């Protein structure tokens, strides 16, 4: 297909490339691709958020159990250290570090 060949009855290949319709179509195709990219990225992060929430709930439950044990036996200082470690993990998850 040479430069002199035309599409339809009146547009050459060069004129077709300069057509506002082609620019419009490419622009919307690009926007659709960008939207799809962000949507896929969002879907990929949802399970990670759900996993983090589940992990937080598990850590909080473990912390509550240790705290009850500490209240019953205040002389067991190692429980306070374990609670502090769990609090640090929960804080890291909250701040995203």
PDB file of N, CA and C in Angstrom:
ATOM      1  N   UNK A   1       0.852  -1.158   0.000  1.00  0.00           N
ATOM      2  CA  UNK A   1       0.000   0.000   0.000  1.00  0.00           C
ATOM      3  C   UNK A   1       0.895   1.217   0.000  1.00  0.00           C
ATOM      4  N   UNK A   2       0.904   1.967  -1.050  1.00  0.00           N
ATOM      5  CA  UNK A   2       1.764   3.139  -1.185  1.00  0.00           C
ATOM      6  C   UNK A   2       1.103   4.388  -0.657  1.00  0.00           C
ATOM      7  N   UNK A   3       1.863   5.487  -0.720  1.00  0.00           N
ATOM      8  CA  UNK A   3       1.341   6.764  -0.234  1.00  0.00           C
ATOM      9  C   UNK A   3       0.187   7.273  -1.076  1.00  0.00           C
ATOM     10  N   UNK A   4       0.210   6.898  -2.328  1.00  0.00           N
ATOM     11  CA  UNK A   4      -0.827   7.417  -3.207  1.00  0.00           C
ATOM     12  C   UNK A   4      -2.142   6.666  -3.056  1.00  0.00           C
ATOM     13  N   UNK A   5      -2.099   5.466  -2.445  1.00  0.00           N
ATOM     14  CA  UNK A   5      -3.348   4.730  -2.275  1.00  0.00           C
ATOM     15  C   UNK A   5      -4.228   5.458  -1.275  1.00  0.00           C
ATOM     16  N   UNK A   6      -5.496   5.339  -1.440  1.00  0.00           N
ATOM     17  CA  UNK A   6      -6.401   6.039  -0.533  1.00  0.00           C
ATOM     18  C   UNK A   6      -7.399   5.078   0.077  1.00  0.00           C
ATOM     19  N   UNK A   7      -7.944   5.507   1.184  1.00  0.00           N
ATOM     20  CA  UNK A   7      -8.996   4.752   1.855  1.00  0.00           C
ATOM     21  C   UNK A   7     -10.312   5.402   1.467  1.00  0.00           C
ATOM     22  N   UNK A   8     -11.254   4.610   1.112  1.00  0.00           N
ATOM     23  CA  UNK A   8     -12.522   5.176   0.681  1.00  0.00           C
ATOM     24  C   UNK A   8     -12.302   5.930  -0.620  1.00  0.00           C
ATOM     25  N   UNK A   9     -12.989   6.990  -0.780  1.00  0.00           N
ATOM     26  CA  UNK A   9     -12.892   7.719  -2.043  1.00  0.00           C
ATOM     27  C   UNK A   9     -12.068   8.988  -1.931  1.00  0.00           C
ATOM     28  N   UNK A  10     -11.776   9.470  -0.700  1.00  0.00           N
ATOM     29  CA  UNK A  10     -11.153  10.777  -0.649  1.00  0.00           C
ATOM     30  C   UNK A  10     -10.033  10.952   0.378  1.00  0.00           C
ATOM     31  N   UNK A  11      -9.756   9.992   1.257  1.00  0.00           N
ATOM     32  CA  UNK A  11      -8.729  10.182   2.274  1.00  0.00           C
ATOM     33  C   UNK A  11      -7.495   9.343   1.970  1.00  0.00           C
ATOM     34  N   UNK A  12      -6.346   9.986   1.964  1.00  0.00           N
ATOM     35  CA  UNK A  12      -5.094   9.239   1.837  1.00  0.00           C
ATOM     36  C   UNK A  12      -4.684   8.759   3.222  1.00  0.00           C
ATOM     37  N   UNK A  13      -3.658   7.932   3.292  1.00  0.00           N
ATOM     38  CA  UNK A  13      -3.191   7.409   4.579  1.00  0.00           C
ATOM     39  C   UNK A  13      -2.724   8.545   5.484  1.00  0.00           C
ATOM     40  N   UNK A  14      -2.004   9.514   4.949  1.00  0.00           N
ATOM     41  CA  UNK A  14      -1.540  10.663   5.731  1.00  0.00           C
ATOM     42  C   UNK A  14      -2.697  11.485   6.270  1.00  0.00           C
ATOM     43  N   UNK A  15      -3.716  11.691   5.441  1.00  0.00           N
ATOM     44  CA  UNK A  15      -4.880  12.453   5.888  1.00  0.00           C
ATOM     45  C   UNK A  15      -5.660  11.691   6.957  1.00  0.00           C
ATOM     46  N   UNK A  16      -5.714  10.371   6.809  1.00  0.00           N
ATOM     47  CA  UNK A  16      -6.424   9.561   7.782  1.00  0.00           C
ATOM     48  C   UNK A  16      -5.749   9.629   9.153  1.00  0.00           C
ATOM     49  N   UNK A  17      -4.408   9.618   9.158  1.00  0.00           N
ATOM     50  CA  UNK A  17      -3.679   9.707  10.418  1.00  0.00           C
ATOM     51  C   UNK A  17      -3.896  11.046  11.095  1.00  0.00           C
ATOM     52  N   UNK A  18      -4.149  12.091  10.337  1.00  0.00           N
ATOM     53  CA  UNK A  18      -4.360  13.428  10.903  1.00  0.00           C
ATOM     54  C   UNK A  18      -5.823  13.676  11.262  1.00  0.00           C
ATOM     55  N   UNK A  19      -6.656  12.713  10.995  1.00  0.00           N
ATOM     56  CA  UNK A  19      -8.086  12.878  11.205  1.00  0.00           C
ATOM     57  C   UNK A  19      -8.399  13.075  12.688  1.00  0.00           C
ATOM     58  N   UNK A  20      -9.258  14.033  13.031  1.00  0.00           N
ATOM     59  CA  UNK A  20      -9.652  14.220  14.430  1.00  0.00           C
ATOM     60  C   UNK A  20     -10.369  13.001  15.004  1.00  0.00           C
ATOM     61  N   UNK A  21     -11.052  12.257  14.152  1.00  0.00           N
ATOM     62  CA  UNK A  21     -11.737  11.059  14.625  1.00  0.00           C
ATOM     63  C   UNK A  21     -10.733  10.039  15.151  1.00  0.00           C
ATOM     64  N   UNK A  22      -9.625   9.864  14.449  1.00  0.00           N
ATOM     65  CA  UNK A  22      -8.599   8.916  14.869  1.00  0.00           C
ATOM     66  C   UNK A  22      -7.996   9.380  16.193  1.00  0.00           C
ATOM     67  N   UNK A  23      -7.693  10.683  16.322  1.00  0.00           N
ATOM     68  CA  UNK A  23      -7.161  11.217  17.578  1.00  0.00           C
ATOM     69  C   UNK A  23      -8.144  10.962  18.716  1.00  0.00           C
ATOM     70  N   UNK A  24      -9.413  11.205  18.481  1.00  0.00           N
ATOM     71  CA  UNK A  24     -10.451  10.999  19.482  1.00  0.00           C
ATOM     72  C   UNK A  24     -10.503   9.530  19.898  1.00  0.00           C
ATOM     73  N   UNK A  25     -10.489   8.635  18.914  1.00  0.00           N
ATOM     74  CA  UNK A  25     -10.567   7.211  19.198  1.00  0.00           C
ATOM     75  C   UNK A  25      -9.336   6.740  19.977  1.00  0.00           C
ATOM     76  N   UNK A  26      -8.156   7.192  19.589  1.00  0.00           N
ATOM     77  CA  UNK A  26      -6.936   6.807  20.294  1.00  0.00           C
ATOM     78  C   UNK A  26      -6.930   7.357  21.715  1.00  0.00           C
ATOM     79  N   UNK A  27      -7.408   8.575  21.870  1.00  0.00           N
ATOM     80  CA  UNK A  27      -7.459   9.192  23.195  1.00  0.00           C
ATOM     81  C   UNK A  27      -8.353   8.368  24.129  1.00  0.00           C
ATOM     82  N   UNK A  28      -9.514   7.985  23.651  1.00  0.00           N
ATOM     83  CA  UNK A  28     -10.439   7.218  24.491  1.00  0.00           C
ATOM     84  C   UNK A  28      -9.947   5.796  24.726  1.00  0.00           C
ATOM     85  N   UNK A  29      -9.257   5.252  23.739  1.00  0.00           N
ATOM     86  CA  UNK A  29      -8.683   3.921  23.926  1.00  0.00           C
ATOM     87  C   UNK A  29      -7.592   3.968  24.993  1.00  0.00           C
ATOM     88  N   UNK A  30      -6.791   5.016  24.961  1.00  0.00           N
ATOM     89  CA  UNK A  30      -5.740   5.194  25.970  1.00  0.00           C
ATOM     90  C   UNK A  30      -6.365   5.363  27.358  1.00  0.00           C
ATOM     91  N   UNK A  31      -7.393   6.182  27.466  1.00  0.00           N
ATOM     92  CA  UNK A  31      -8.057   6.399  28.759  1.00  0.00           C
ATOM     93  C   UNK A  31      -8.649   5.101  29.295  1.00  0.00           C
ATOM     94  N   UNK A  32      -9.223   4.303  28.400  1.00  0.00           N
ATOM     95  CA  UNK A  32      -9.790   3.021  28.823  1.00  0.00           C
ATOM     96  C   UNK A  32      -8.690   2.098  29.343  1.00  0.00           C
ATOM     97  N   UNK A  33      -7.544   2.112  28.691  1.00  0.00           N
ATOM     98  CA  UNK A  33      -6.417   1.292  29.142  1.00  0.00           C
ATOM     99  C   UNK A  33      -5.921   1.752  30.507  1.00  0.00           C
ATOM    100  N   UNK A  34      -5.867   3.058  30.718  1.00  0.00           N
ATOM    101  CA  UNK A  34      -5.424   3.593  32.003  1.00  0.00           C
ATOM    102  C   UNK A  34      -6.413   3.210  33.105  1.00  0.00           C
ATOM    103  N   UNK A  35      -7.701   3.337  32.831  1.00  0.00           N
ATOM    104  CA  UNK A  35      -8.719   2.950  33.816  1.00  0.00           C
ATOM    105  C   UNK A  35      -8.601   1.465  34.160  1.00  0.00           C
ATOM    106  N   UNK A  36      -8.383   0.642  33.148  1.00  0.00           N
ATOM    107  CA  UNK A  36      -8.239  -0.792  33.370  1.00  0.00           C
ATOM    108  C   UNK A  36      -7.018  -1.069  34.237  1.00  0.00           C
ATOM    109  N   UNK A  37      -5.918  -0.372  33.963  1.00  0.00           N
ATOM    110  CA  UNK A  37      -4.693  -0.548  34.755  1.00  0.00           C
ATOM    111  C   UNK A  37      -4.958  -0.236  36.228  1.00  0.00           C
ATOM    112  N   UNK A  38      -5.596   0.899  36.508  1.00  0.00           N
ATOM    113  CA  UNK A  38      -5.865   1.267  37.895  1.00  0.00           C
ATOM    114  C   UNK A  38      -6.845   0.312  38.555  1.00  0.00           C
ATOM    115  N   UNK A  39      -7.820  -0.167  37.819  1.00  0.00           N
ATOM    116  CA  UNK A  39      -8.797  -1.111  38.367  1.00  0.00           C
ATOM    117  C   UNK A  39      -8.122  -2.427  38.729  1.00  0.00           C
ATOM    118  N   UNK A  40      -7.232  -2.914  37.847  1.00  0.00           N
ATOM    119  CA  UNK A  40      -6.522  -4.154  38.134  1.00  0.00           C
ATOM    120  C   UNK A  40      -5.601  -3.982  39.335  1.00  0.00           C
ATOM    121  N   UNK A  41      -4.958  -2.827  39.449  1.00  0.00           N
ATOM    122  CA  UNK A  41      -4.097  -2.559  40.600  1.00  0.00           C
ATOM    123  C   UNK A  41      -4.926  -2.536  41.884  1.00  0.00           C
ATOM    124  N   UNK A  42      -6.115  -1.969  41.801  1.00  0.00           N
ATOM    125  CA  UNK A  42      -7.010  -1.914  42.963  1.00  0.00           C
ATOM    126  C   UNK A  42      -7.445  -3.319  43.374  1.00  0.00           C
ATOM    127  N   UNK A  43      -7.773  -4.141  42.389  1.00  0.00           N
ATOM    128  CA  UNK A  43      -8.196  -5.508  42.689  1.00  0.00           C
ATOM    129  C   UNK A  43      -7.051  -6.321  43.282  1.00  0.00           C
ATOM    130  N   UNK A  44      -5.842  -6.037  42.863  1.00  0.00           N
ATOM    131  CA  UNK A  44      -4.686  -6.769  43.389  1.00  0.00           C
ATOM    132  C   UNK A  44      -4.412  -6.406  44.837  1.00  0.00           C
ATOM    133  N   UNK A  45      -4.762  -5.188  45.250  1.00  0.00           N
ATOM    134  CA  UNK A  45      -4.486  -4.775  46.621  1.00  0.00           C
ATOM    135  C   UNK A  45      -5.599  -5.151  47.589  1.00  0.00           C
ATOM    136  N   UNK A  46      -6.766  -5.467  47.103  1.00  0.00           N
ATOM    137  CA  UNK A  46      -7.876  -5.821  47.993  1.00  0.00           C
ATOM    138  C   UNK A  46      -7.556  -7.056  48.830  1.00  0.00           C
ATOM    139  N   UNK A  47      -7.079  -8.147  48.241  1.00  0.00           N
ATOM    140  CA  UNK A  47      -6.758  -9.300  49.085  1.00  0.00           C
ATOM    141  C   UNK A  47      -5.686  -8.987  50.124  1.00  0.00           C
ATOM    142  N   UNK A  48      -4.706  -8.159  49.754  1.00  0.00           N
ATOM    143  CA  UNK A  48      -3.668  -7.786  50.711  1.00  0.00           C
ATOM    144  C   UNK A  48      -4.273  -7.042  51.894  1.00  0.00           C
ATOM    145  N   UNK A  49      -5.206  -6.148  51.628  1.00  0.00           N
ATOM    146  CA  UNK A  49      -5.879  -5.432  52.713  1.00  0.00           C
ATOM    147  C   UNK A  49      -6.667  -6.392  53.591  1.00  0.00           C
ATOM    148  N   UNK A  50      -7.348  -7.330  52.952  1.00  0.00           N
ATOM    149  CA  UNK A  50      -8.125  -8.302  53.715  1.00  0.00           C
ATOM    150  C   UNK A  50      -7.220  -9.174  54.574  1.00  0.00           C
ATOM    151  N   UNK A  51      -6.064  -9.545  54.034  1.00  0.00           N
ATOM    152  CA  UNK A  51      -5.113 -10.346  54.800  1.00  0.00           C
ATOM    153  C   UNK A  51      -4.609  -9.546  55.989  1.00  0.00           C
ATOM    154  N   UNK A  52      -4.287  -8.261  55.763  1.00  0.00           N
ATOM    155  CA  UNK A  52      -3.814  -7.419  56.862  1.00  0.00           C
ATOM    156  C   UNK A  52      -4.871  -7.267  57.946  1.00  0.00           C
ATOM    157  N   UNK A  53      -6.128  -7.093  57.555  1.00  0.00           N
ATOM    158  CA  UNK A  53      -7.205  -6.965  58.538  1.00  0.00           C
ATOM    159  C   UNK A  53      -7.360  -8.250  59.348  1.00  0.00           C
ATOM    160  N   UNK A  54      -7.274  -9.378  58.670  1.00  0.00           N
ATOM    161  CA  UNK A  54      -7.386 -10.658  59.376  1.00  0.00           C
ATOM    162  C   UNK A  54      -6.220 -10.813  60.345  1.00  0.00           C
ATOM    163  N   UNK A  55      -5.019 -10.478  59.897  1.00  0.00           N
ATOM    164  CA  UNK A  55      -3.837 -10.582  60.752  1.00  0.00           C
ATOM    165  C   UNK A  55      -3.967  -9.652  61.968  1.00  0.00           C
ATOM    166  N   UNK A  56      -4.490  -8.424  61.742  1.00  0.00           N
ATOM    167  CA  UNK A  56      -4.691  -7.488  62.858  1.00  0.00           C
ATOM    168  C   UNK A  56      -5.662  -8.062  63.884  1.00  0.00           C
ATOM    169  N   UNK A  57      -6.764  -8.647  63.398  1.00  0.00           N
ATOM    170  CA  UNK A  57      -7.744  -9.237  64.318  1.00  0.00           C
ATOM    171  C   UNK A  57      -7.116 -10.366  65.133  1.00  0.00           C
ATOM    172  N   UNK A  58      -6.304 -11.198  64.465  1.00  0.00           N
ATOM    173  CA  UNK A  58      -5.645 -12.295  65.174  1.00  0.00           C
ATOM    174  C   UNK A  58      -4.676 -11.764  66.224  1.00  0.00           C
ATOM    175  N   UNK A  59      -3.907 -10.736  65.849  1.00  0.00           N
ATOM    176  CA  UNK A  59      -2.962 -10.152  66.801  1.00  0.00           C
ATOM    177  C   UNK A  59      -3.681  -9.520  67.988  1.00  0.00           C
ATOM    178  N   UNK A  60      -4.788  -8.827  67.718  1.00  0.00           N
ATOM    179  CA  UNK A  60      -5.538  -8.202  68.805  1.00  0.00           C
ATOM    180  C   UNK A  60      -6.137  -9.255  69.738  1.00  0.00           C
ATOM    181  N   UNK A  61      -6.612 -10.363  69.177  1.00  0.00           N
ATOM    182  CA  UNK A  61      -7.160 -11.435  70.011  1.00  0.00           C
ATOM    183  C   UNK A  61      -6.064 -12.042  70.889  1.00  0.00           C
ATOM    184  N   UNK A  62      -4.894 -12.254  70.305  1.00  0.00           N
ATOM    185  CA  UNK A  62      -3.775 -12.787  71.075  1.00  0.00           C
ATOM    186  C   UNK A  62      -3.365 -11.806  72.173  1.00  0.00           C
ATOM    187  N   UNK A  63      -3.375 -10.514  71.850  1.00  0.00           N
ATOM    188  CA  UNK A  63      -3.014  -9.476  72.817  1.00  0.00           C
ATOM    189  C   UNK A  63      -4.001  -9.473  73.985  1.00  0.00           C
ATOM    190  N   UNK A  64      -5.291  -9.586  73.671  1.00  0.00           N
ATOM    191  CA  UNK A  64      -6.315  -9.607  74.724  1.00  0.00           C
ATOM    192  C   UNK A  64      -6.125 -10.799  75.654  1.00  0.00           C
ATOM    193  N   UNK A  65      -5.820 -11.950  75.082  1.00  0.00           N
ATOM    194  CA  UNK A  65      -5.604 -13.143  75.893  1.00  0.00           C
ATOM    195  C   UNK A  65      -4.397 -12.941  76.820  1.00  0.00           C
ATOM    196  N   UNK A  66      -3.306 -12.427  76.261  1.00  0.00           N
ATOM    197  CA  UNK A  66      -2.114 -12.191  77.077  1.00  0.00           C
ATOM    198  C   UNK A  66      -2.380 -11.138  78.158  1.00  0.00           C
ATOM    199  N   UNK A  67      -3.164 -10.125  77.813  1.00  0.00           N
ATOM    200  CA  UNK A  67      -3.468  -9.075  78.785  1.00  0.00           C
ATOM    201  C   UNK A  67      -4.279  -9.631  79.961  1.00  0.00           C
ATOM    202  N   UNK A  68      -5.248 -10.515  79.665  1.00  0.00           N
ATOM    203  CA  UNK A  68      -6.029 -11.148  80.741  1.00  0.00           C
ATOM    204  C   UNK A  68      -5.132 -11.989  81.649  1.00  0.00           C
ATOM    205  N   UNK A  69      -4.199 -12.712  81.000  1.00  0.00           N
ATOM    206  CA  UNK A  69      -3.258 -13.513  81.798  1.00  0.00           C
ATOM    207  C   UNK A  69      -2.386 -12.617  82.672  1.00  0.00           C
ATOM    208  N   UNK A  70      -1.973 -11.471  82.123  1.00  0.00           N
ATOM    209  CA  UNK A  70      -1.145 -10.541  82.885  1.00  0.00           C
ATOM    210  C   UNK A  70      -1.917  -9.961  84.065  1.00  0.00           C
ATOM    211  N   UNK A  71      -3.202  -9.668  83.874  1.00  0.00           N
ATOM    212  CA  UNK A  71      -4.018  -9.158  84.981  1.00  0.00           C
ATOM    213  C   UNK A  71      -4.154 -10.195  86.094  1.00  0.00           C
ATOM    214  N   UNK A  72      -4.275 -11.466  85.689  1.00  0.00           N
ATOM    215  CA  UNK A  72      -4.397 -12.535  86.689  1.00  0.00           C
ATOM    216  C   UNK A  72      -3.066 -12.812  87.392  1.00  0.00           C
ATOM    217  N   UNK A  73      -1.966 -12.653  86.666  1.00  0.00           N
ATOM    218  CA  UNK A  73      -0.632 -12.949  87.212  1.00  0.00           C
ATOM    219  C   UNK A  73       0.312 -11.776  86.932  1.00  0.00           C
ATOM    220  N   UNK A  74       0.232 -10.699  87.675  1.00  0.00           N
ATOM    221  CA  UNK A  74       1.043  -9.517  87.399  1.00  0.00           C
ATOM    222  C   UNK A  74       2.547  -9.740  87.549  1.00  0.00           C
ATOM    223  N   UNK A  75       2.953 -10.805  88.227  1.00  0.00           N
ATOM    224  CA  UNK A  75       4.373 -11.058  88.408  1.00  0.00           C
ATOM    225  C   UNK A  75       5.036 -11.595  87.128  1.00  0.00           C
ATOM    226  N   UNK A  76       4.245 -12.032  86.163  1.00  0.00           N
ATOM    227  CA  UNK A  76       4.800 -12.583  84.917  1.00  0.00           C
ATOM    228  C   UNK A  76       5.068 -11.441  83.926  1.00  0.00           C
ATOM    229  N   UNK A  77       6.243 -10.847  84.073  1.00  0.00           N
ATOM    230  CA  UNK A  77       6.626  -9.670  83.287  1.00  0.00           C
ATOM    231  C   UNK A  77       6.799 -10.009  81.803  1.00  0.00           C
ATOM    232  N   UNK A  78       7.180 -11.247  81.503  1.00  0.00           N
ATOM    233  CA  UNK A  78       7.384 -11.617  80.090  1.00  0.00           C
ATOM    234  C   UNK A  78       6.104 -11.430  79.270  1.00  0.00           C
ATOM    235  N   UNK A  79       4.936 -11.518  79.902  1.00  0.00           N
ATOM    236  CA  UNK A  79       3.674 -11.288  79.195  1.00  0.00           C
ATOM    237  C   UNK A  79       3.579  -9.841  78.721  1.00  0.00           C
ATOM    238  N   UNK A  80       4.047  -8.915  79.563  1.00  0.00           N
ATOM    239  CA  UNK A  80       4.035  -7.502  79.173  1.00  0.00           C
ATOM    240  C   UNK A  80       4.934  -7.266  77.964  1.00  0.00           C
ATOM    241  N   UNK A  81       6.066  -7.961  77.914  1.00  0.00           N
ATOM    242  CA  UNK A  81       6.967  -7.831  76.760  1.00  0.00           C
ATOM    243  C   UNK A  81       6.336  -8.392  75.488  1.00  0.00           C
ATOM    244  N   UNK A  82       5.622  -9.496  75.623  1.00  0.00           N
ATOM    245  CA  UNK A  82       4.932 -10.070  74.461  1.00  0.00           C
ATOM    246  C   UNK A  82       3.825  -9.130  73.980  1.00  0.00           C
ATOM    247  N   UNK A  83       3.102  -8.525  74.920  1.00  0.00           N
ATOM    248  CA  UNK A  83       2.050  -7.569  74.563  1.00  0.00           C
ATOM    249  C   UNK A  83       2.653  -6.383  73.830  1.00  0.00           C
ATOM    250  N   UNK A  84       3.794  -5.900  74.316  1.00  0.00           N
ATOM    251  CA  UNK A  84       4.477  -4.765  73.668  1.00  0.00           C
ATOM    252  C   UNK A  84       4.884  -5.132  72.246  1.00  0.00           C
ATOM    253  N   UNK A  85       5.395  -6.340  72.044  1.00  0.00           N
ATOM    254  CA  UNK A  85       5.789  -6.785  70.702  1.00  0.00           C
ATOM    255  C   UNK A  85       4.579  -6.833  69.765  1.00  0.00           C
ATOM    256  N   UNK A  86       3.460  -7.324  70.277  1.00  0.00           N
ATOM    257  CA  UNK A  86       2.236  -7.386  69.463  1.00  0.00           C
ATOM    258  C   UNK A  86       1.752  -5.970  69.134  1.00  0.00           C
ATOM    259  N   UNK A  87       1.782  -5.076  70.117  1.00  0.00           N
ATOM    260  CA  UNK A  87       1.392  -3.680  69.864  1.00  0.00           C
ATOM    261  C   UNK A  87       2.259  -3.053  68.779  1.00  0.00           C
ATOM    262  N   UNK A  88       3.549  -3.360  68.803  1.00  0.00           N
ATOM    263  CA  UNK A  88       4.459  -2.831  67.778  1.00  0.00           C
ATOM    264  C   UNK A  88       4.100  -3.364  66.390  1.00  0.00           C
ATOM    265  N   UNK A  89       3.773  -4.656  66.304  1.00  0.00           N
ATOM    266  CA  UNK A  89       3.376  -5.245  65.020  1.00  0.00           C
ATOM    267  C   UNK A  89       2.101  -4.599  64.499  1.00  0.00           C
ATOM    268  N   UNK A  90       1.129  -4.408  65.387  1.00  0.00           N
ATOM    269  CA  UNK A  90      -0.135  -3.777  64.972  1.00  0.00           C
ATOM    270  C   UNK A  90       0.113  -2.349  64.508  1.00  0.00           C
ATOM    271  N   UNK A  91       0.973  -1.636  65.203  1.00  0.00           N
ATOM    272  CA  UNK A  91       1.297  -0.264  64.818  1.00  0.00           C
ATOM    273  C   UNK A  91       1.997  -0.220  63.461  1.00  0.00           C
ATOM    274  N   UNK A  92       2.905  -1.158  63.204  1.00  0.00           N
ATOM    275  CA  UNK A  92       3.574  -1.231  61.907  1.00  0.00           C
ATOM    276  C   UNK A  92       2.569  -1.474  60.789  1.00  0.00           C
ATOM    277  N   UNK A  93       1.605  -2.337  61.049  1.00  0.00           N
ATOM    278  CA  UNK A  93       0.580  -2.626  60.038  1.00  0.00           C
ATOM    279  C   UNK A  93      -0.284  -1.393  59.783  1.00  0.00           C
ATOM    280  N   UNK A  94      -0.575  -0.639  60.845  1.00  0.00           N
ATOM    281  CA  UNK A  94      -1.416   0.539  60.727  1.00  0.00           C
ATOM    282  C   UNK A  94      -0.701   1.643  59.931  1.00  0.00           C
ATOM    283  N   UNK A  95       0.602   1.813  60.180  1.00  0.00           N
ATOM    284  CA  UNK A  95       1.350   2.880  59.516  1.00  0.00           C
ATOM    285  C   UNK A  95       1.891   2.445  58.163  1.00  0.00           C
ATOM    286  N   UNK A  96       1.876   1.145  57.876  1.00  0.00           N
ATOM    287  CA  UNK A  96       2.316   0.671  56.576  1.00  0.00           C
ATOM    288  C   UNK A  96       3.814   0.550  56.414  1.00  0.00           C
ATOM    289  N   UNK A  97       4.535   0.434  57.494  1.00  0.00           N
ATOM    290  CA  UNK A  97       6.005   0.306  57.407  1.00  0.00           C
ATOM    291  C   UNK A  97       6.413  -1.100  57.154  1.00  0.00           C
TER     292      UNK A  97
END
